[in-house]
């Protein structure tokens, strides 16, 4: 399987607190990333438990840059496209999923 195809599938999932912590850390680590994310995406809004009572979980993907060591965490919804807006915790790149 080529890396392009494999990158379409999620690597793992994370809870809402884990996602929020990863995004806050990435936004604080890279200059200008907070402004870029604010300009290109909208927030997730209130994230509560799913209908079945389990905590909300978010998909995490492997970053195609940086030797595949970074992880893409959901930062919001893309403003111009119908997609999730993700941020890499290692290189600070942004992607649509």
Protein backbone atom coordinates (compact mmCIF):
# COMPACT_ATOMS: atom_id res chain seq x y z
CA UNK A 1 0.00 0.00 0.00
CA UNK A 2 1.41 3.36 -0.94
CA UNK A 3 1.88 6.03 1.70
CA UNK A 4 -0.71 8.27 0.01
CA UNK A 5 -3.42 5.69 0.49
CA UNK A 6 -2.38 4.71 3.99
CA UNK A 7 -2.45 8.32 5.16
CA UNK A 8 -6.18 8.44 4.45
CA UNK A 9 -6.86 6.11 7.36
CA UNK A 10 -6.75 7.26 10.99
CA UNK A 11 -3.84 6.14 13.15
CA UNK A 12 -5.66 6.17 16.48
CA UNK A 13 -8.21 8.19 18.41
CA UNK A 14 -8.03 10.46 21.43
CA UNK A 15 -10.38 11.91 24.02
CA UNK A 16 -11.47 15.54 23.97
CA UNK A 17 -9.04 16.51 26.81
CA UNK A 18 -6.14 14.81 25.00
CA UNK A 19 -7.04 16.58 21.74
CA UNK A 20 -7.34 19.98 23.41
CA UNK A 21 -4.00 19.53 25.21
CA UNK A 22 -2.21 18.51 21.99
CA UNK A 23 -3.63 21.49 20.08
CA UNK A 24 -2.77 23.97 22.86
CA UNK A 25 0.80 22.64 22.97
CA UNK A 26 1.22 22.89 19.18
CA UNK A 27 -0.25 26.40 19.02
CA UNK A 28 2.13 27.54 21.73
CA UNK A 29 5.17 25.91 20.11
CA UNK A 30 5.01 27.39 16.59
CA UNK A 31 5.06 31.14 15.86
CA UNK A 32 2.07 32.34 13.88
CA UNK A 33 0.27 29.00 14.01
CA UNK A 34 -2.47 30.27 16.34
CA UNK A 35 -3.27 33.12 13.90
CA UNK A 36 -3.23 30.75 10.91
CA UNK A 37 -5.60 28.29 12.58
CA UNK A 38 -7.94 31.13 13.62
CA UNK A 39 -8.00 32.53 10.09
CA UNK A 40 -8.52 29.21 8.29
CA UNK A 41 -10.86 27.32 10.63
CA UNK A 42 -13.79 27.61 12.98
CA UNK A 43 -13.92 26.16 16.46
CA UNK A 44 -15.45 22.81 17.32
CA UNK A 45 -18.02 24.33 19.64
CA UNK A 46 -19.22 22.54 22.76
CA UNK A 47 -18.02 18.94 22.74
CA UNK A 48 -19.98 16.75 25.12
CA UNK A 49 -20.63 13.05 25.55
CA UNK A 50 -22.07 11.13 22.64
CA UNK A 51 -25.67 9.98 22.76
CA UNK A 52 -24.64 6.67 24.27
CA UNK A 53 -22.93 8.41 27.21
CA UNK A 54 -19.33 7.64 26.21
CA UNK A 55 -16.84 10.51 26.06
CA UNK A 56 -16.28 12.10 22.66
CA UNK A 57 -13.26 10.79 20.77
CA UNK A 58 -11.42 12.34 17.81
CA UNK A 59 -9.41 10.65 15.06
CA UNK A 60 -5.63 11.19 14.92
CA UNK A 61 -3.68 10.77 11.68
CA UNK A 62 0.04 10.38 10.94
CA UNK A 63 1.64 13.53 9.49
CA UNK A 64 2.95 12.92 5.95
CA UNK A 65 5.84 15.31 6.66
CA UNK A 66 8.63 15.08 9.21
CA UNK A 67 9.49 11.38 8.63
CA UNK A 68 5.97 10.34 9.71
CA UNK A 69 6.68 11.03 13.40
CA UNK A 70 4.12 13.80 13.87
CA UNK A 71 0.45 13.31 14.61
CA UNK A 72 -2.42 15.35 13.16
CA UNK A 73 -4.92 16.50 15.78
CA UNK A 74 -8.30 18.08 14.98
CA UNK A 75 -8.19 21.83 15.60
CA UNK A 76 -11.57 22.77 14.12
CA UNK A 77 -13.59 22.83 10.92
CA UNK A 78 -12.17 24.32 7.72
CA UNK A 79 -13.77 27.66 6.83
CA UNK A 80 -13.73 27.23 3.04
CA UNK A 81 -14.09 23.45 2.67
CA UNK A 82 -16.23 20.73 4.19
CA UNK A 83 -13.40 19.10 6.17
CA UNK A 84 -11.76 18.77 9.55
CA UNK A 85 -8.84 21.14 10.03
CA UNK A 86 -5.86 19.35 11.60
CA UNK A 87 -2.52 20.50 13.03
CA UNK A 88 0.69 18.47 13.30
CA UNK A 89 2.09 18.39 16.82
CA UNK A 90 5.68 17.95 15.54
CA UNK A 91 6.14 20.26 12.55
CA UNK A 92 3.21 22.68 12.89
CA UNK A 93 1.82 21.96 9.42
CA UNK A 94 -1.92 22.09 8.83
CA UNK A 95 -4.02 19.69 6.75
CA UNK A 96 -7.64 19.08 5.83
CA UNK A 97 -9.13 15.66 6.55
